[in-house]
Structure formats: structure tokens, C-alpha cells
Amino acid sequence: MAISITDWGNFDQALPVAVKFGTGMEIQEFANPIKLEAPDEVLKKVNETANRLSFLGMHGPFSELVPASRDPLVRQTAKFRFELAYQVGMKMDAQHLVNHSGFVPKTYPRDAWIQNTCDFWVDFLTAKPNPGLFHIENVYEDEPGALLELVERVNEVFQDELLTSCLDIGHVNANSSHSFDEWIGTLGDRIRYVHLHNNFGVLDDHFKLTKGTIDIAQVLELLKVHSPNAIWTIETSVEDLEPSLRWLQEQ
């Protein structure tokens, strides 16, 4: 499997770690809409050093973006931000773009959420034939079934694998009552990207891999069996990247 780290919004600090361990990097600075609207400074730094990284990913904006909204203006805002992120990602030759699902519990019936979100992604992806580029990340979902149905329905429309899943294990631990066995077993090979970090099952703390209640070793074994094509991305604070990478090497 390929290994990556996030820059946690600080490319300069994360770059030496990625180079030292020979990993890819997920650029998260553009999750900030302010930087997304004025990307040139960060883009210049990334493009000048990208040849020192094994591959590049990017995290898109997510704050208050709800693709499933029945309000066309809300959907328009989400599409506008996602489009900006796509254009920036193409300027730095990103091979992976991560977007949150936008799911908010108890706001829409399950079927309505799936239909609305499917319509959004079909519209957004129509002129973007980039198989394997977009990964939808779970955040507040309790179970994996709706995400699975969303990904399968969108790909069925295009008869291609334009949308896959980013499994965030910290979000599962903090926000779901279902086990990792169920999440990973259900989504299976649709998981092509993983965010690895730990917490104590209450808040999305993004601790290093060894600090929290997630049995990371067990999760990685499940991923190797059910999601063998997934990229493993360590999504901790910058200071916890190296300890997490060392632990991963030891395993």
C-alpha cells in the first residue's frame, strides 16, 4: 500500500517529514476557503518541491458545505467551492482529492440524502472524467450503508469508477456506533483512501496512532484484507507525524 501524510495546514513543517520517510502528502491548506481563493503562494511552494514527494493529494473545503441540501443556493455554494478546489488540485497535479460527504444527522431522510447527494455529484463530475480522483469522506455517519449506496449509484451513472470512499477511522470511532469490521467489510474495495489517526471515542482529536482507543493494528489488518488498494494517510498534528510513521514502520 502507498503511505501518505497530511500537512495539517502547514506545508513547510510537514515537507521534511514526508521527504525523510519517502511518503506522499495530502495538502490541507486549501481546506481553508481563504487560502483557496488566493492559492498562488502555497501552489508555488508545492509545485517547487513536488518532485521530492512520492505523490500528491489534496483536501477540499468542507465548512458548512452541504451537497444534499434542498436549497439550490446552498448546493451552488458547495459546487463553487468544490470547483475551486478541483482547479487548484489540477494546477499542482494532485492524484487524489478528498471531500467530506456533508452528511448532517437527522436533517434529511436517508433516501432523500442519498438522492440529493447523488444528483449533486453526477452534476459535478459530468465534465470531470478522472477515475479514482475523488474520494468522499465519512464524518458524522453512524453506518456505512448510505455512503456505499451513494458511491455505487454515481459510478453506475458514468459506468466508471469516478467516485470512491475515504474512510476516516477517527470519525468512525467518535461518531459511529458500528464496528470497524462492519465499516471496512461493507465498503470493502470502494475504500481507496484512508485517514489514520486516533482518539478516545468522544472528540475528533487527531491524536498520534498510539494514543486513543482505536486498535490501529487491527484496523490495518482489516484494510489489508478488504481494501487492498487503499492509500494510508496519517492525519495527525505535524508533531505527531514522525512518531506515527515510526510506529507504522515497526509494524
C-alpha atoms as a PDB file:
ATOM      1  CA  MET A   1       0.000   0.000   0.000  1.00  0.00           C
ATOM      2  CA  ALA A   2       1.084   3.611  -0.534  1.00  0.00           C
ATOM      3  CA  ILE A   3       1.709   5.769   2.547  1.00  0.00           C
ATOM      4  CA  SER A   4       0.994   9.469   2.831  1.00  0.00           C
ATOM      5  CA  ILE A   5       0.863  12.191   5.460  1.00  0.00           C
ATOM      6  CA  THR A   6      -1.162  15.381   5.727  1.00  0.00           C
ATOM      7  CA  ASP A   7       0.470  18.772   6.074  1.00  0.00           C
ATOM      8  CA  TRP A   8      -2.150  19.767   8.692  1.00  0.00           C
ATOM      9  CA  GLY A   9      -2.292  23.171   7.008  1.00  0.00           C
ATOM     10  CA  ASN A  10       1.461  23.737   7.352  1.00  0.00           C
ATOM     11  CA  PHE A  11       3.316  22.548   4.268  1.00  0.00           C
ATOM     12  CA  ASP A  12       6.726  23.873   5.341  1.00  0.00           C
ATOM     13  CA  GLN A  13       6.764  21.837   8.566  1.00  0.00           C
ATOM     14  CA  ALA A  14       5.374  18.643   7.063  1.00  0.00           C
ATOM     15  CA  LEU A  15       7.584  18.542   3.966  1.00  0.00           C
ATOM     16  CA  PRO A  16      10.804  17.418   5.753  1.00  0.00           C
ATOM     17  CA  VAL A  17       8.907  14.537   7.383  1.00  0.00           C
ATOM     18  CA  ALA A  18       7.478  13.376   4.060  1.00  0.00           C
ATOM     19  CA  VAL A  19      10.906  13.543   2.416  1.00  0.00           C
ATOM     20  CA  LYS A  20      12.592  11.719   5.317  1.00  0.00           C
ATOM     21  CA  PHE A  21      10.138   8.813   5.201  1.00  0.00           C
ATOM     22  CA  GLY A  22       9.563   8.829   1.439  1.00  0.00           C
ATOM     23  CA  THR A  23       5.806   9.356   1.646  1.00  0.00           C
ATOM     24  CA  GLY A  24       3.222  11.212  -0.349  1.00  0.00           C
ATOM     25  CA  MET A  25       1.471  14.248   1.075  1.00  0.00           C
ATOM     26  CA  GLU A  26      -2.117  15.437   1.292  1.00  0.00           C
ATOM     27  CA  ILE A  27      -2.204  19.232   1.132  1.00  0.00           C
ATOM     28  CA  GLN A  28      -4.802  20.520   3.589  1.00  0.00           C
ATOM     29  CA  GLU A  29      -4.102  24.238   3.401  1.00  0.00           C
ATOM     30  CA  PHE A  30      -6.806  24.623   0.746  1.00  0.00           C
ATOM     31  CA  ALA A  31      -9.482  23.274   3.075  1.00  0.00           C
ATOM     32  CA  ASN A  32      -9.352  26.878   4.294  1.00  0.00           C
ATOM     33  CA  PRO A  33     -11.578  28.828   1.865  1.00  0.00           C
ATOM     34  CA  ILE A  34      -9.450  31.966   2.305  1.00  0.00           C
ATOM     35  CA  LYS A  35      -6.360  30.185   1.006  1.00  0.00           C
ATOM     36  CA  LEU A  36      -8.436  28.502  -1.677  1.00  0.00           C
ATOM     37  CA  GLU A  37      -9.395  31.891  -3.090  1.00  0.00           C
ATOM     38  CA  ALA A  38      -5.764  33.084  -3.076  1.00  0.00           C
ATOM     39  CA  PRO A  39      -3.808  29.894  -3.770  1.00  0.00           C
ATOM     40  CA  ASP A  40      -0.725  31.175  -5.592  1.00  0.00           C
ATOM     41  CA  GLU A  41       1.709  31.350  -2.663  1.00  0.00           C
ATOM     42  CA  VAL A  42       1.017  27.811  -1.457  1.00  0.00           C
ATOM     43  CA  LEU A  43       0.811  26.462  -5.007  1.00  0.00           C
ATOM     44  CA  LYS A  44       4.252  27.882  -5.773  1.00  0.00           C
ATOM     45  CA  LYS A  45       5.785  26.133  -2.742  1.00  0.00           C
ATOM     46  CA  VAL A  46       4.088  22.846  -3.527  1.00  0.00           C
ATOM     47  CA  ASN A  47       4.999  22.840  -7.207  1.00  0.00           C
ATOM     48  CA  GLU A  48       8.622  23.720  -6.473  1.00  0.00           C
ATOM     49  CA  THR A  49       9.031  20.713  -4.178  1.00  0.00           C
ATOM     50  CA  ALA A  50       6.515  18.165  -5.512  1.00  0.00           C
ATOM     51  CA  ASN A  51       9.288  16.117  -7.115  1.00  0.00           C
ATOM     52  CA  ARG A  52      10.525  15.291  -3.604  1.00  0.00           C
ATOM     53  CA  LEU A  53       7.218  13.608  -2.754  1.00  0.00           C
ATOM     54  CA  SER A  54       6.056  10.197  -3.951  1.00  0.00           C
ATOM     55  CA  PHE A  55       2.603  11.594  -4.829  1.00  0.00           C
ATOM     56  CA  LEU A  56       0.249  14.456  -4.002  1.00  0.00           C
ATOM     57  CA  GLY A  57      -3.258  14.564  -2.600  1.00  0.00           C
ATOM     58  CA  MET A  58      -5.432  17.465  -1.531  1.00  0.00           C
ATOM     59  CA  HIS A  59      -8.233  18.010   0.964  1.00  0.00           C
ATOM     60  CA  GLY A  60     -11.070  20.127  -0.312  1.00  0.00           C
ATOM     61  CA  PRO A  61     -13.081  22.721   1.643  1.00  0.00           C
ATOM     62  CA  PHE A  62     -15.891  21.481   3.851  1.00  0.00           C
ATOM     63  CA  SER A  63     -17.073  24.152   6.310  1.00  0.00           C
ATOM     64  CA  GLU A  64     -20.882  24.427   6.130  1.00  0.00           C
ATOM     65  CA  LEU A  65     -20.947  22.791   2.672  1.00  0.00           C
ATOM     66  CA  VAL A  66     -23.991  20.543   2.213  1.00  0.00           C
ATOM     67  CA  PRO A  67     -24.308  18.884  -1.219  1.00  0.00           C
ATOM     68  CA  ALA A  68     -27.559  17.209  -0.127  1.00  0.00           C
ATOM     69  CA  SER A  69     -29.332  20.477   0.664  1.00  0.00           C
ATOM     70  CA  ARG A  70     -32.726  21.069  -0.943  1.00  0.00           C
ATOM     71  CA  ASP A  71     -31.791  24.760  -1.153  1.00  0.00           C
ATOM     72  CA  PRO A  72     -30.277  25.433  -4.612  1.00  0.00           C
ATOM     73  CA  LEU A  73     -28.195  28.337  -3.265  1.00  0.00           C
ATOM     74  CA  VAL A  74     -26.574  26.078  -0.665  1.00  0.00           C
ATOM     75  CA  ARG A  75     -25.817  23.477  -3.331  1.00  0.00           C
ATOM     76  CA  GLN A  76     -24.452  26.210  -5.576  1.00  0.00           C
ATOM     77  CA  THR A  77     -22.048  27.304  -2.844  1.00  0.00           C
ATOM     78  CA  ALA A  78     -20.832  23.742  -2.326  1.00  0.00           C
ATOM     79  CA  LYS A  79     -20.342  23.292  -6.069  1.00  0.00           C
ATOM     80  CA  PHE A  80     -18.468  26.603  -6.331  1.00  0.00           C
ATOM     81  CA  ARG A  81     -16.059  25.660  -3.530  1.00  0.00           C
ATOM     82  CA  PHE A  82     -15.538  22.127  -4.849  1.00  0.00           C
ATOM     83  CA  GLU A  83     -14.863  23.526  -8.318  1.00  0.00           C
ATOM     84  CA  LEU A  84     -12.244  25.925  -6.940  1.00  0.00           C
ATOM     85  CA  ALA A  85     -10.585  23.016  -5.162  1.00  0.00           C
ATOM     86  CA  TYR A  86     -10.610  20.925  -8.329  1.00  0.00           C
ATOM     87  CA  GLN A  87      -8.959  23.698 -10.328  1.00  0.00           C
ATOM     88  CA  VAL A  88      -6.276  24.206  -7.668  1.00  0.00           C
ATOM     89  CA  GLY A  89      -5.723  20.455  -7.465  1.00  0.00           C
ATOM     90  CA  MET A  90      -5.177  20.255 -11.215  1.00  0.00           C
ATOM     91  CA  LYS A  91      -2.627  23.089 -11.024  1.00  0.00           C
ATOM     92  CA  MET A  92      -0.483  21.011  -8.685  1.00  0.00           C
ATOM     93  CA  ASP A  93      -1.179  17.697 -10.423  1.00  0.00           C
ATOM     94  CA  ALA A  94      -2.908  16.166  -7.395  1.00  0.00           C
ATOM     95  CA  GLN A  95      -3.730  12.494  -7.837  1.00  0.00           C
ATOM     96  CA  HIS A  96      -6.312  12.441  -5.022  1.00  0.00           C
ATOM     97  CA  LEU A  97      -8.984  14.927  -3.916  1.00  0.00           C
ATOM     98  CA  VAL A  98     -10.802  14.338  -0.619  1.00  0.00           C
ATOM     99  CA  ASN A  99     -14.198  15.907   0.041  1.00  0.00           C
ATOM    100  CA  HIS A 100     -16.428  15.485   3.073  1.00  0.00           C
ATOM    101  CA  SER A 101     -19.802  13.880   2.474  1.00  0.00           C
ATOM    102  CA  GLY A 102     -21.622  16.837   4.043  1.00  0.00           C
ATOM    103  CA  PHE A 103     -23.921  14.481   5.926  1.00  0.00           C
ATOM    104  CA  VAL A 104     -25.655  16.082   8.921  1.00  0.00           C
ATOM    105  CA  PRO A 105     -27.573  13.625  11.143  1.00  0.00           C
ATOM    106  CA  LYS A 106     -31.341  13.940  11.452  1.00  0.00           C
ATOM    107  CA  THR A 107     -31.732  16.603   8.759  1.00  0.00           C
ATOM    108  CA  TYR A 108     -32.898  14.565   5.744  1.00  0.00           C
ATOM    109  CA  PRO A 109     -34.432  11.108   5.440  1.00  0.00           C
ATOM    110  CA  ARG A 110     -31.852   8.553   4.313  1.00  0.00           C
ATOM    111  CA  ASP A 111     -33.292   8.120   0.816  1.00  0.00           C
ATOM    112  CA  ALA A 112     -33.574  11.866   0.277  1.00  0.00           C
ATOM    113  CA  TRP A 113     -29.971  12.397   1.394  1.00  0.00           C
ATOM    114  CA  ILE A 114     -28.708   9.729  -0.999  1.00  0.00           C
ATOM    115  CA  GLN A 115     -30.764  11.048  -3.928  1.00  0.00           C
ATOM    116  CA  ASN A 116     -29.850  14.699  -3.364  1.00  0.00           C
ATOM    117  CA  THR A 117     -26.156  13.920  -2.910  1.00  0.00           C
ATOM    118  CA  CYS A 118     -26.114  11.595  -5.905  1.00  0.00           C
ATOM    119  CA  ASP A 119     -27.671  14.319  -8.081  1.00  0.00           C
ATOM    120  CA  PHE A 120     -25.041  16.785  -6.857  1.00  0.00           C
ATOM    121  CA  TRP A 121     -22.096  14.519  -7.678  1.00  0.00           C
ATOM    122  CA  VAL A 122     -23.458  13.431 -11.044  1.00  0.00           C
ATOM    123  CA  ASP A 123     -23.788  17.088 -11.994  1.00  0.00           C
ATOM    124  CA  PHE A 124     -20.346  17.959 -10.624  1.00  0.00           C
ATOM    125  CA  LEU A 125     -18.493  15.033 -12.219  1.00  0.00           C
ATOM    126  CA  THR A 126     -20.092  15.205 -15.661  1.00  0.00           C
ATOM    127  CA  ALA A 127     -17.208  17.181 -17.185  1.00  0.00           C
ATOM    128  CA  LYS A 128     -14.526  15.617 -14.974  1.00  0.00           C
ATOM    129  CA  PRO A 129     -13.678  12.144 -16.275  1.00  0.00           C
ATOM    130  CA  ASN A 130     -10.913  11.457 -13.757  1.00  0.00           C
ATOM    131  CA  PRO A 131     -11.336   7.881 -12.443  1.00  0.00           C
ATOM    132  CA  GLY A 132     -10.020   7.450  -8.926  1.00  0.00           C
ATOM    133  CA  LEU A 133      -9.521  11.159  -8.277  1.00  0.00           C
ATOM    134  CA  PHE A 134     -12.417  11.972  -5.918  1.00  0.00           C
ATOM    135  CA  HIS A 135     -12.820  10.322  -2.502  1.00  0.00           C
ATOM    136  CA  ILE A 136     -15.861  11.004  -0.292  1.00  0.00           C
ATOM    137  CA  GLU A 137     -15.014  11.073   3.411  1.00  0.00           C
ATOM    138  CA  ASN A 138     -17.312   9.969   6.221  1.00  0.00           C
ATOM    139  CA  VAL A 139     -17.695  12.413   9.107  1.00  0.00           C
ATOM    140  CA  TYR A 140     -20.934  12.147  11.110  1.00  0.00           C
ATOM    141  CA  GLU A 141     -22.372   8.999   9.524  1.00  0.00           C
ATOM    142  CA  ASP A 142     -23.353   6.303  12.023  1.00  0.00           C
ATOM    143  CA  GLU A 143     -23.261   3.469   9.482  1.00  0.00           C
ATOM    144  CA  PRO A 144     -21.573   2.887   6.113  1.00  0.00           C
ATOM    145  CA  GLY A 145     -24.533   1.803   4.011  1.00  0.00           C
ATOM    146  CA  ALA A 146     -25.599   5.214   2.716  1.00  0.00           C
ATOM    147  CA  LEU A 147     -22.082   6.084   1.571  1.00  0.00           C
ATOM    148  CA  LEU A 148     -21.787   2.754  -0.185  1.00  0.00           C
ATOM    149  CA  GLU A 149     -25.079   3.309  -1.993  1.00  0.00           C
ATOM    150  CA  LEU A 150     -24.057   6.848  -2.970  1.00  0.00           C
ATOM    151  CA  VAL A 151     -20.737   5.746  -4.483  1.00  0.00           C
ATOM    152  CA  GLU A 152     -22.307   2.831  -6.354  1.00  0.00           C
ATOM    153  CA  ARG A 153     -25.167   4.908  -7.771  1.00  0.00           C
ATOM    154  CA  VAL A 154     -22.890   7.694  -9.004  1.00  0.00           C
ATOM    155  CA  ASN A 155     -20.478   5.245 -10.634  1.00  0.00           C
ATOM    156  CA  GLU A 156     -23.371   3.373 -12.229  1.00  0.00           C
ATOM    157  CA  VAL A 157     -24.453   6.578 -13.970  1.00  0.00           C
ATOM    158  CA  PHE A 158     -21.000   7.019 -15.513  1.00  0.00           C
ATOM    159  CA  GLN A 159     -20.225   3.331 -15.929  1.00  0.00           C
ATOM    160  CA  ASP A 160     -16.841   4.182 -14.446  1.00  0.00           C
ATOM    161  CA  GLU A 161     -15.187   4.498 -11.044  1.00  0.00           C
ATOM    162  CA  LEU A 162     -15.296   8.284 -10.719  1.00  0.00           C
ATOM    163  CA  LEU A 163     -16.144   8.292  -7.016  1.00  0.00           C
ATOM    164  CA  THR A 164     -14.675   6.210  -4.213  1.00  0.00           C
ATOM    165  CA  SER A 165     -14.576   6.374  -0.434  1.00  0.00           C
ATOM    166  CA  CYS A 166     -12.155   7.943   2.009  1.00  0.00           C
ATOM    167  CA  LEU A 167     -12.552   6.126   5.322  1.00  0.00           C
ATOM    168  CA  ASP A 168     -11.689   8.344   8.266  1.00  0.00           C
ATOM    169  CA  ILE A 169     -11.198   5.972  11.190  1.00  0.00           C
ATOM    170  CA  GLY A 170     -11.176   8.747  13.791  1.00  0.00           C
ATOM    171  CA  HIS A 171     -14.617   9.848  12.647  1.00  0.00           C
ATOM    172  CA  VAL A 172     -15.868   6.274  12.910  1.00  0.00           C
ATOM    173  CA  ASN A 173     -14.544   5.991  16.470  1.00  0.00           C
ATOM    174  CA  ALA A 174     -16.005   9.317  17.610  1.00  0.00           C
ATOM    175  CA  ASN A 175     -19.282   9.401  15.672  1.00  0.00           C
ATOM    176  CA  SER A 176     -20.412   5.850  14.895  1.00  0.00           C
ATOM    177  CA  SER A 177     -21.949   3.068  16.978  1.00  0.00           C
ATOM    178  CA  HIS A 178     -20.874   0.475  14.393  1.00  0.00           C
ATOM    179  CA  SER A 179     -17.640  -1.506  14.407  1.00  0.00           C
ATOM    180  CA  PHE A 180     -14.632  -1.158  12.136  1.00  0.00           C
ATOM    181  CA  ASP A 181     -15.335  -4.696  10.962  1.00  0.00           C
ATOM    182  CA  GLU A 182     -18.708  -3.517   9.655  1.00  0.00           C
ATOM    183  CA  TRP A 183     -17.431  -0.261   8.145  1.00  0.00           C
ATOM    184  CA  ILE A 184     -14.481  -1.804   6.343  1.00  0.00           C
ATOM    185  CA  GLY A 185     -16.276  -5.024   5.456  1.00  0.00           C
ATOM    186  CA  THR A 186     -19.222  -3.108   3.989  1.00  0.00           C
ATOM    187  CA  LEU A 187     -17.291  -0.517   2.000  1.00  0.00           C
ATOM    188  CA  GLY A 188     -14.593  -3.012   1.032  1.00  0.00           C
ATOM    189  CA  ASP A 189     -12.623  -2.110  -2.082  1.00  0.00           C
ATOM    190  CA  ARG A 190     -14.623   1.097  -2.503  1.00  0.00           C
ATOM    191  CA  ILE A 191     -12.237   2.416   0.166  1.00  0.00           C
ATOM    192  CA  ARG A 192      -9.331   3.783  -1.837  1.00  0.00           C
ATOM    193  CA  TYR A 193      -8.096   6.334   0.691  1.00  0.00           C
ATOM    194  CA  VAL A 194      -7.866   6.229   4.487  1.00  0.00           C
ATOM    195  CA  HIS A 195      -7.269   8.877   7.148  1.00  0.00           C
ATOM    196  CA  LEU A 196      -5.376   7.327  10.063  1.00  0.00           C
ATOM    197  CA  HIS A 197      -5.397   8.971  13.496  1.00  0.00           C
ATOM    198  CA  ASN A 198      -6.635   8.100  16.970  1.00  0.00           C
ATOM    199  CA  ASN A 199      -8.945   9.431  19.686  1.00  0.00           C
ATOM    200  CA  PHE A 200     -10.813   8.270  22.783  1.00  0.00           C
ATOM    201  CA  GLY A 201     -14.189   7.863  21.098  1.00  0.00           C
ATOM    202  CA  VAL A 202     -15.618  11.253  22.090  1.00  0.00           C
ATOM    203  CA  LEU A 203     -13.967  14.017  20.065  1.00  0.00           C
ATOM    204  CA  ASP A 204     -12.206  14.073  16.710  1.00  0.00           C
ATOM    205  CA  ASP A 205      -8.836  14.720  18.368  1.00  0.00           C
ATOM    206  CA  HIS A 206      -6.472  13.562  15.590  1.00  0.00           C
ATOM    207  CA  PHE A 207      -4.005  12.084  18.081  1.00  0.00           C
ATOM    208  CA  LYS A 208      -0.994  10.036  17.018  1.00  0.00           C
ATOM    209  CA  LEU A 209      -1.659   6.398  16.159  1.00  0.00           C
ATOM    210  CA  THR A 210      -0.698   5.083  19.603  1.00  0.00           C
ATOM    211  CA  LYS A 211      -2.844   7.494  21.670  1.00  0.00           C
ATOM    212  CA  GLY A 212      -6.508   6.534  21.880  1.00  0.00           C
ATOM    213  CA  THR A 213      -8.951   3.642  21.935  1.00  0.00           C
ATOM    214  CA  ILE A 214      -8.671   2.586  18.280  1.00  0.00           C
ATOM    215  CA  ASP A 215      -6.769  -0.663  17.810  1.00  0.00           C
ATOM    216  CA  ILE A 216      -4.847   0.625  14.812  1.00  0.00           C
ATOM    217  CA  ALA A 217      -3.115  -2.699  14.133  1.00  0.00           C
ATOM    218  CA  GLN A 218      -6.484  -4.449  13.883  1.00  0.00           C
ATOM    219  CA  VAL A 219      -7.847  -1.731  11.584  1.00  0.00           C
ATOM    220  CA  LEU A 220      -4.840  -2.040   9.282  1.00  0.00           C
ATOM    221  CA  GLU A 221      -5.298  -5.812   9.097  1.00  0.00           C
ATOM    222  CA  LEU A 222      -8.946  -5.317   8.111  1.00  0.00           C
ATOM    223  CA  LEU A 223      -7.898  -2.816   5.446  1.00  0.00           C
ATOM    224  CA  LYS A 224      -5.319  -5.191   4.019  1.00  0.00           C
ATOM    225  CA  VAL A 225      -7.993  -7.878   3.661  1.00  0.00           C
ATOM    226  CA  HIS A 226     -10.972  -5.830   2.447  1.00  0.00           C
ATOM    227  CA  SER A 227      -9.452  -2.645   0.982  1.00  0.00           C
ATOM    228  CA  PRO A 228      -6.095  -3.663  -0.502  1.00  0.00           C
ATOM    229  CA  ASN A 229      -5.976  -0.728  -2.928  1.00  0.00           C
ATOM    230  CA  ALA A 230      -6.388   1.988  -0.291  1.00  0.00           C
ATOM    231  CA  ILE A 231      -3.801   4.685   0.360  1.00  0.00           C
ATOM    232  CA  TRP A 232      -2.998   5.062   4.066  1.00  0.00           C
ATOM    233  CA  THR A 233      -2.680   8.718   5.063  1.00  0.00           C
ATOM    234  CA  ILE A 234      -1.627   9.730   8.566  1.00  0.00           C
ATOM    235  CA  GLU A 235      -3.759  12.718   9.562  1.00  0.00           C
ATOM    236  CA  THR A 236      -2.336  13.935  12.858  1.00  0.00           C
ATOM    237  CA  SER A 237      -0.830  17.201  14.013  1.00  0.00           C
ATOM    238  CA  VAL A 238       2.590  17.800  12.456  1.00  0.00           C
ATOM    239  CA  GLU A 239       4.461  16.958  15.658  1.00  0.00           C
ATOM    240  CA  ASP A 240       2.770  13.543  15.801  1.00  0.00           C
ATOM    241  CA  LEU A 241       3.523  12.579  12.200  1.00  0.00           C
ATOM    242  CA  GLU A 242       7.000  11.191  12.789  1.00  0.00           C
ATOM    243  CA  PRO A 243       6.105   9.089  15.881  1.00  0.00           C
ATOM    244  CA  SER A 244       3.161   7.659  13.953  1.00  0.00           C
ATOM    245  CA  LEU A 245       5.297   6.839  10.922  1.00  0.00           C
ATOM    246  CA  ARG A 246       7.904   5.160  13.124  1.00  0.00           C
ATOM    247  CA  TRP A 247       5.205   3.044  14.754  1.00  0.00           C
ATOM    248  CA  LEU A 248       3.873   2.106  11.324  1.00  0.00           C
ATOM    249  CA  GLN A 249       7.358   1.059  10.208  1.00  0.00           C
ATOM    250  CA  GLU A 250       7.760  -1.131  13.265  1.00  0.00           C
ATOM    251  CA  GLN A 251       4.526  -2.938  12.471  1.00  0.00           C
END
